Amino acid sequence: MTHYLTRMLSVAGFCAASAVLLAQPAAGATGSGDCFAVPRPVVSLNFGSRYEANSKTRSDIDESSNAKVDAALKPVDEFIQDLTRYANKVRQDPQKNQDLAVCVIKAIDTWAKADALSDMETDNAKLSVPSRIGGIAIAYSQVVSEATHYPNERRRIARWLRVRAYETMAFFDYRAPPK
């Protein structure tokens, strides 16, 4: 693993640690068939703030807006829950680790091929997605060493995560709203 990718996975891990990840077989998984159904990749997100517009402290939740944000992020969060559950199983069940790792790799690759999470249309989406990319990166880092027979998928996933990391850095360095 390159120094850059290691650094990016570390940054992504930090982002994921700050996220609240909410806790169905993957197409093309091999072996036991013990996998989950990969949800359709979410490419675009466009949602407003969870907070009431007139809240001076930005701490008063607008229930309607909050529900819309939760609904928009739900497929992403459920995907990450499945990835995390299966990636954790790789370490818990050495007998099935290859099949489980392939499941996770193929699931993430499905999203990488679709360029998922690449079109964040609002600042709120851009603020919400980095921790989720981090969650995906952590799941990937848990299984990548077990999926040695999938070099094309690994390259595509690494490239997709790298682009998402660059987009995140550019947003926070140059375009994010002031604190």
Foldseek 3Di string as FASTA:
>chain_A
DDPVLVVLLVVLQVLLVPDDQDAAQDPPQDDPSPHHHQDQFAAEDDADQQADPPDPVSPHGDVVRVVVVCVRCVSLSHNLNRLVVLLVVLVVDVVCNLRSLSRLLRSLLSNLVVLGNNHYPDLVSLVPCSNSLSSSSVSNVSRVVSHPVCVVSVVSSSVSSVVNSVVNVCCVVPPHDDD
